[in-house]
Amino acid sequence: MPKNYLAIDYGERRTGIAFANSSVGIAFPRETIDQREKNLWTELERLVKENAVTDFVLGIPVHPNEHPDSKQKTVENFANELKEKFPQIELHLQDESYSTQEATTIVGGKNKGRIDRAAATVILQRFIEGNF
């Protein structure tokens, strides 16, 4: 049975979202959730229902020296909340190193919303390539 993946590039202000179906194997940008305008949890609930999400792929910063920084701890806390609020959905953590830089190169320009959802797409495509 195909799986529906929702990727999250979590940010305390903006969160990029991407989507993929395991039968296609290609990640697509979905949207950027600006937490000043919308409730992240409400939006995630909507996306889960609309897309019959079976798995989350959450980008997490991984540092070469393996010492977590404040961003990594923030994302880990978010991961714990995500597991608590959506216990039925499997959570995968994916290294997000340099995803924003790669997304900026792909998208060009300075539209942060587009860059955030492109970064989520990069994270999800890396996951797909490493697991399919």
N, C-alpha and C. Protein backbone atom coordinates (compact mmCIF):
# COMPACT_ATOMS: atom_id res chain seq x y z
N MET A 1 0.85 -1.19 0.00
CA MET A 1 0.00 0.00 0.00
C MET A 1 0.89 1.25 0.00
N PRO A 2 0.64 2.19 -0.90
CA PRO A 2 1.47 3.40 -0.95
C PRO A 2 1.35 4.23 0.34
N LYS A 3 2.43 4.92 0.64
CA LYS A 3 2.46 5.80 1.80
C LYS A 3 2.43 7.25 1.32
N ASN A 4 1.83 8.10 2.14
CA ASN A 4 1.78 9.53 1.86
C ASN A 4 2.64 10.25 2.90
N TYR A 5 3.68 10.89 2.40
CA TYR A 5 4.66 11.56 3.26
C TYR A 5 4.42 13.06 3.28
N LEU A 6 4.46 13.63 4.48
CA LEU A 6 4.39 15.07 4.66
C LEU A 6 5.70 15.50 5.30
N ALA A 7 6.48 16.30 4.59
CA ALA A 7 7.75 16.78 5.11
C ALA A 7 7.58 18.14 5.77
N ILE A 8 8.33 18.34 6.82
CA ILE A 8 8.24 19.57 7.59
C ILE A 8 9.64 20.16 7.77
N ASP A 9 9.81 21.39 7.29
CA ASP A 9 11.01 22.16 7.58
C ASP A 9 10.59 23.17 8.64
N TYR A 10 10.73 22.75 9.91
CA TYR A 10 10.18 23.52 11.02
C TYR A 10 10.99 24.78 11.31
N GLY A 11 10.27 25.86 11.49
CA GLY A 11 10.85 27.11 11.94
C GLY A 11 9.91 27.73 12.95
N GLU A 12 10.45 28.46 13.88
CA GLU A 12 9.60 29.06 14.92
C GLU A 12 8.68 30.13 14.35
N ARG A 13 9.02 30.68 13.20
CA ARG A 13 8.16 31.67 12.56
C ARG A 13 7.44 31.09 11.34
N ARG A 14 8.21 30.46 10.44
CA ARG A 14 7.63 29.86 9.23
C ARG A 14 8.02 28.40 9.15
N THR A 15 7.09 27.58 8.65
CA THR A 15 7.34 26.16 8.50
C THR A 15 7.01 25.75 7.07
N GLY A 16 8.00 25.21 6.38
CA GLY A 16 7.82 24.76 5.01
C GLY A 16 7.26 23.35 4.99
N ILE A 17 6.36 23.09 4.04
CA ILE A 17 5.69 21.80 3.92
C ILE A 17 5.88 21.26 2.50
N ALA A 18 6.17 19.97 2.41
CA ALA A 18 6.26 19.28 1.12
C ALA A 18 5.53 17.95 1.24
N PHE A 19 5.21 17.36 0.10
CA PHE A 19 4.41 16.15 0.06
C PHE A 19 4.99 15.18 -0.96
N ALA A 20 4.85 13.88 -0.68
CA ALA A 20 5.22 12.85 -1.65
C ALA A 20 4.40 11.60 -1.37
N ASN A 21 4.17 10.86 -2.44
CA ASN A 21 3.51 9.56 -2.35
C ASN A 21 4.56 8.53 -2.72
N SER A 22 4.63 7.44 -1.97
CA SER A 22 5.69 6.45 -2.20
C SER A 22 5.60 5.80 -3.57
N SER A 23 4.42 5.77 -4.17
CA SER A 23 4.30 5.15 -5.49
C SER A 23 4.89 6.03 -6.59
N VAL A 24 5.01 7.34 -6.33
CA VAL A 24 5.59 8.26 -7.32
C VAL A 24 7.07 8.48 -7.03
N GLY A 25 7.40 8.70 -5.75
CA GLY A 25 8.80 8.85 -5.36
C GLY A 25 9.42 10.19 -5.67
N ILE A 26 8.59 11.22 -5.86
CA ILE A 26 9.09 12.57 -6.11
C ILE A 26 8.43 13.52 -5.11
N ALA A 27 9.23 14.35 -4.47
CA ALA A 27 8.71 15.32 -3.50
C ALA A 27 8.23 16.57 -4.21
N PHE A 28 7.13 17.14 -3.72
CA PHE A 28 6.56 18.37 -4.27
C PHE A 28 6.38 19.39 -3.16
N PRO A 29 6.72 20.66 -3.43
CA PRO A 29 6.45 21.70 -2.44
C PRO A 29 4.94 21.85 -2.26
N ARG A 30 4.51 22.09 -1.02
CA ARG A 30 3.07 22.21 -0.76
C ARG A 30 2.72 23.64 -0.35
N GLU A 31 3.26 24.07 0.77
CA GLU A 31 2.95 25.42 1.27
C GLU A 31 3.90 25.80 2.38
N THR A 32 3.81 27.06 2.76
CA THR A 32 4.55 27.57 3.91
C THR A 32 3.52 28.08 4.90
N ILE A 33 3.67 27.66 6.15
CA ILE A 33 2.75 28.09 7.20
C ILE A 33 3.45 29.18 8.00
N ASP A 34 2.92 30.39 7.92
CA ASP A 34 3.43 31.52 8.69
C ASP A 34 2.69 31.51 10.02
N GLN A 35 3.43 31.23 11.08
CA GLN A 35 2.80 31.07 12.39
C GLN A 35 2.33 32.39 13.01
N ARG A 36 2.63 33.50 12.37
CA ARG A 36 2.06 34.77 12.82
C ARG A 36 0.63 34.91 12.30
N GLU A 37 0.31 34.15 11.24
CA GLU A 37 -1.01 34.25 10.61
C GLU A 37 -1.90 33.04 10.85
N LYS A 38 -1.30 31.86 11.04
CA LYS A 38 -2.08 30.63 11.18
C LYS A 38 -1.50 29.77 12.29
N ASN A 39 -2.36 28.95 12.89
CA ASN A 39 -1.94 28.03 13.93
C ASN A 39 -1.32 26.79 13.27
N LEU A 40 -0.08 26.50 13.59
CA LEU A 40 0.64 25.40 12.96
C LEU A 40 -0.07 24.06 13.18
N TRP A 41 -0.55 23.81 14.38
CA TRP A 41 -1.18 22.52 14.69
C TRP A 41 -2.50 22.36 13.93
N THR A 42 -3.25 23.42 13.82
CA THR A 42 -4.51 23.37 13.05
C THR A 42 -4.22 23.09 11.59
N GLU A 43 -3.21 23.74 11.05
CA GLU A 43 -2.84 23.54 9.66
C GLU A 43 -2.31 22.13 9.42
N LEU A 44 -1.53 21.60 10.34
CA LEU A 44 -1.03 20.23 10.19
C LEU A 44 -2.18 19.23 10.24
N GLU A 45 -3.14 19.45 11.13
CA GLU A 45 -4.32 18.57 11.18
C GLU A 45 -5.05 18.58 9.84
N ARG A 46 -5.21 19.76 9.27
CA ARG A 46 -5.89 19.89 7.98
C ARG A 46 -5.12 19.14 6.89
N LEU A 47 -3.82 19.33 6.84
CA LEU A 47 -2.99 18.69 5.83
C LEU A 47 -2.99 17.16 5.97
N VAL A 48 -2.96 16.69 7.21
CA VAL A 48 -2.99 15.25 7.46
C VAL A 48 -4.28 14.65 6.90
N LYS A 49 -5.39 15.32 7.16
CA LYS A 49 -6.68 14.82 6.68
C LYS A 49 -6.79 14.92 5.17
N GLU A 50 -6.44 16.06 4.61
CA GLU A 50 -6.56 16.27 3.16
C GLU A 50 -5.71 15.30 2.35
N ASN A 51 -4.57 14.91 2.90
CA ASN A 51 -3.61 14.10 2.15
C ASN A 51 -3.48 12.67 2.65
N ALA A 52 -4.33 12.27 3.60
CA ALA A 52 -4.26 10.92 4.17
C ALA A 52 -2.82 10.56 4.53
N VAL A 53 -2.17 11.45 5.28
CA VAL A 53 -0.76 11.31 5.61
C VAL A 53 -0.54 10.07 6.48
N THR A 54 0.45 9.27 6.09
CA THR A 54 0.83 8.08 6.86
C THR A 54 2.14 8.28 7.60
N ASP A 55 2.99 9.20 7.08
CA ASP A 55 4.32 9.40 7.65
C ASP A 55 4.71 10.88 7.59
N PHE A 56 5.38 11.33 8.65
CA PHE A 56 6.00 12.65 8.66
C PHE A 56 7.49 12.46 8.42
N VAL A 57 8.09 13.41 7.71
CA VAL A 57 9.55 13.48 7.58
C VAL A 57 9.92 14.87 8.07
N LEU A 58 10.60 14.91 9.19
CA LEU A 58 10.96 16.17 9.84
C LEU A 58 12.45 16.43 9.65
N GLY A 59 12.77 17.58 9.07
CA GLY A 59 14.16 17.98 8.92
C GLY A 59 14.75 18.35 10.27
N ILE A 60 15.92 17.81 10.56
CA ILE A 60 16.58 18.12 11.82
C ILE A 60 18.04 18.48 11.52
N PRO A 61 18.53 19.55 12.15
CA PRO A 61 19.92 19.93 11.92
C PRO A 61 20.87 18.90 12.54
N VAL A 62 21.83 18.47 11.76
CA VAL A 62 22.86 17.55 12.25
C VAL A 62 24.20 18.25 12.09
N HIS A 63 24.95 18.29 13.16
CA HIS A 63 26.23 19.00 13.12
C HIS A 63 27.37 18.00 13.09
N PRO A 64 28.42 18.32 12.34
CA PRO A 64 29.55 17.39 12.23
C PRO A 64 30.18 17.04 13.58
N ASN A 65 30.17 17.98 14.52
CA ASN A 65 30.79 17.71 15.82
C ASN A 65 29.83 16.98 16.77
N GLU A 66 28.61 16.72 16.30
CA GLU A 66 27.58 15.99 17.04
C GLU A 66 27.15 16.67 18.34
N HIS A 67 27.44 17.96 18.49
CA HIS A 67 26.99 18.72 19.65
C HIS A 67 25.74 19.48 19.24
N PRO A 68 24.60 19.18 19.88
CA PRO A 68 23.37 19.87 19.50
C PRO A 68 23.44 21.37 19.82
N ASP A 69 22.83 22.17 18.94
CA ASP A 69 22.72 23.59 19.21
C ASP A 69 21.27 23.90 19.56
N SER A 70 20.96 25.18 19.77
CA SER A 70 19.60 25.54 20.18
C SER A 70 18.57 25.21 19.11
N LYS A 71 18.93 25.32 17.83
CA LYS A 71 18.00 24.98 16.73
C LYS A 71 17.65 23.49 16.78
N GLN A 72 18.66 22.65 16.99
CA GLN A 72 18.41 21.21 17.05
C GLN A 72 17.51 20.88 18.24
N LYS A 73 17.76 21.50 19.36
CA LYS A 73 16.92 21.24 20.54
C LYS A 73 15.48 21.70 20.30
N THR A 74 15.31 22.83 19.63
CA THR A 74 13.97 23.32 19.30
C THR A 74 13.24 22.34 18.41
N VAL A 75 13.94 21.81 17.40
CA VAL A 75 13.33 20.85 16.48
C VAL A 75 13.02 19.53 17.20
N GLU A 76 13.90 19.11 18.09
CA GLU A 76 13.64 17.89 18.87
C GLU A 76 12.40 18.06 19.74
N ASN A 77 12.25 19.23 20.35
CA ASN A 77 11.05 19.49 21.15
C ASN A 77 9.80 19.45 20.27
N PHE A 78 9.89 20.03 19.08
CA PHE A 78 8.77 20.00 18.14
C PHE A 78 8.46 18.55 17.75
N ALA A 79 9.50 17.74 17.51
CA ALA A 79 9.31 16.33 17.15
C ALA A 79 8.54 15.60 18.25
N ASN A 80 8.87 15.88 19.49
CA ASN A 80 8.16 15.24 20.61
C ASN A 80 6.69 15.65 20.64
N GLU A 81 6.42 16.92 20.39
CA GLU A 81 5.03 17.39 20.33
C GLU A 81 4.29 16.75 19.16
N LEU A 82 4.97 16.63 18.04
CA LEU A 82 4.37 16.03 16.84
C LEU A 82 3.97 14.58 17.11
N LYS A 83 4.85 13.83 17.77
CA LYS A 83 4.55 12.43 18.11
C LYS A 83 3.37 12.35 19.08
N GLU A 84 3.32 13.31 19.99
CA GLU A 84 2.24 13.32 20.98
C GLU A 84 0.89 13.65 20.33
N LYS A 85 0.87 14.61 19.43
CA LYS A 85 -0.38 15.05 18.80
C LYS A 85 -0.84 14.13 17.67
N PHE A 86 0.10 13.42 17.04
CA PHE A 86 -0.23 12.52 15.93
C PHE A 86 0.41 11.14 16.17
N PRO A 87 0.00 10.44 17.22
CA PRO A 87 0.65 9.17 17.54
C PRO A 87 0.46 8.09 16.47
N GLN A 88 -0.55 8.24 15.64
CA GLN A 88 -0.85 7.25 14.61
C GLN A 88 0.03 7.41 13.36
N ILE A 89 0.79 8.49 13.29
CA ILE A 89 1.61 8.79 12.11
C ILE A 89 3.08 8.56 12.44
N GLU A 90 3.72 7.75 11.62
CA GLU A 90 5.13 7.46 11.84
C GLU A 90 5.97 8.71 11.57
N LEU A 91 6.96 8.95 12.42
CA LEU A 91 7.83 10.11 12.29
C LEU A 91 9.24 9.67 11.94
N HIS A 92 9.77 10.25 10.86
CA HIS A 92 11.14 9.99 10.42
C HIS A 92 11.91 11.31 10.54
N LEU A 93 13.11 11.25 11.08
CA LEU A 93 13.97 12.43 11.15
C LEU A 93 14.97 12.35 10.01
N GLN A 94 15.15 13.47 9.32
CA GLN A 94 16.04 13.53 8.17
C GLN A 94 16.99 14.71 8.33
N ASP A 95 18.27 14.46 8.10
CA ASP A 95 19.27 15.52 8.16
C ASP A 95 18.87 16.64 7.20
N GLU A 96 18.78 17.84 7.72
CA GLU A 96 18.40 18.98 6.89
C GLU A 96 19.59 19.88 6.54
N SER A 97 20.79 19.42 6.82
CA SER A 97 21.98 20.23 6.58
C SER A 97 22.00 20.79 5.16
N TYR A 98 22.18 22.08 5.06
CA TYR A 98 22.32 22.81 3.80
C TYR A 98 21.07 22.78 2.92
N SER A 99 19.93 22.33 3.45
CA SER A 99 18.71 22.29 2.63
C SER A 99 18.24 23.69 2.26
N THR A 100 18.39 24.65 3.16
CA THR A 100 17.98 26.02 2.84
C THR A 100 18.86 26.61 1.76
N GLN A 101 20.17 26.36 1.83
CA GLN A 101 21.07 26.87 0.80
C GLN A 101 20.74 26.23 -0.56
N GLU A 102 20.48 24.93 -0.55
CA GLU A 102 20.13 24.24 -1.80
C GLU A 102 18.80 24.78 -2.34
N ALA A 103 17.84 24.98 -1.46
CA ALA A 103 16.54 25.52 -1.87
C ALA A 103 16.68 26.93 -2.43
N THR A 104 17.52 27.74 -1.82
CA THR A 104 17.74 29.11 -2.29
C THR A 104 18.32 29.09 -3.70
N THR A 105 19.22 28.17 -3.95
CA THR A 105 19.81 28.03 -5.29
C THR A 105 18.76 27.61 -6.30
N ILE A 106 17.91 26.67 -5.91
CA ILE A 106 16.87 26.16 -6.81
C ILE A 106 15.83 27.25 -7.11
N VAL A 107 15.34 27.89 -6.06
CA VAL A 107 14.25 28.86 -6.18
C VAL A 107 14.75 30.21 -6.64
N GLY A 108 15.94 30.58 -6.17
CA GLY A 108 16.45 31.90 -6.47
C GLY A 108 15.66 32.96 -5.71
N GLY A 109 16.11 34.17 -5.80
CA GLY A 109 15.36 35.26 -5.17
C GLY A 109 15.42 35.23 -3.66
N LYS A 110 14.52 36.02 -3.08
CA LYS A 110 14.55 36.18 -1.63
C LYS A 110 13.19 35.92 -0.99
N ASN A 111 12.30 35.23 -1.70
CA ASN A 111 10.98 34.93 -1.15
C ASN A 111 11.13 33.82 -0.13
N LYS A 112 11.10 34.19 1.15
CA LYS A 112 11.37 33.22 2.22
C LYS A 112 10.34 32.11 2.28
N GLY A 113 9.08 32.40 1.98
CA GLY A 113 8.06 31.37 1.98
C GLY A 113 8.34 30.30 0.94
N ARG A 114 8.72 30.73 -0.26
CA ARG A 114 9.07 29.76 -1.32
C ARG A 114 10.30 28.96 -0.94
N ILE A 115 11.26 29.62 -0.33
CA ILE A 115 12.49 28.93 0.09
C ILE A 115 12.17 27.89 1.16
N ASP A 116 11.31 28.23 2.12
CA ASP A 116 10.96 27.29 3.19
C ASP A 116 10.30 26.03 2.65
N ARG A 117 9.35 26.18 1.73
CA ARG A 117 8.70 24.97 1.18
C ARG A 117 9.62 24.23 0.23
N ALA A 118 10.52 24.94 -0.44
CA ALA A 118 11.52 24.27 -1.27
C ALA A 118 12.50 23.49 -0.40
N ALA A 119 12.86 24.03 0.76
CA ALA A 119 13.75 23.32 1.69
C ALA A 119 13.07 22.04 2.19
N ALA A 120 11.76 22.11 2.48
CA ALA A 120 11.02 20.91 2.88
C ALA A 120 11.04 19.88 1.77
N THR A 121 10.97 20.35 0.52
CA THR A 121 11.01 19.45 -0.63
C THR A 121 12.38 18.79 -0.74
N VAL A 122 13.44 19.54 -0.53
CA VAL A 122 14.80 19.00 -0.55
C VAL A 122 14.95 17.92 0.53
N ILE A 123 14.47 18.22 1.72
CA ILE A 123 14.55 17.27 2.84
C ILE A 123 13.80 15.98 2.48
N LEU A 124 12.61 16.12 1.95
CA LEU A 124 11.81 14.95 1.61
C LEU A 124 12.43 14.15 0.46
N GLN A 125 12.97 14.83 -0.53
CA GLN A 125 13.60 14.11 -1.64
C GLN A 125 14.83 13.34 -1.15
N ARG A 126 15.59 13.91 -0.24
CA ARG A 126 16.73 13.20 0.34
C ARG A 126 16.26 11.93 1.06
N PHE A 127 15.16 12.07 1.81
CA PHE A 127 14.60 10.92 2.51
C PHE A 127 14.19 9.84 1.51
N ILE A 128 13.49 10.23 0.48
CA ILE A 128 13.01 9.30 -0.54
C ILE A 128 14.21 8.57 -1.18
N GLU A 129 15.20 9.32 -1.57
CA GLU A 129 16.36 8.73 -2.24
C GLU A 129 17.12 7.77 -1.33
N GLY A 130 17.08 8.03 -0.04
CA GLY A 130 17.78 7.16 0.90
C GLY A 130 16.97 5.97 1.38
N ASN A 131 15.67 5.96 1.10
CA ASN A 131 14.82 4.92 1.68
C ASN A 131 13.97 4.13 0.69
N PHE A 132 13.88 4.56 -0.53
CA PHE A 132 13.05 3.85 -1.50
C PHE A 132 13.90 2.95 -2.37
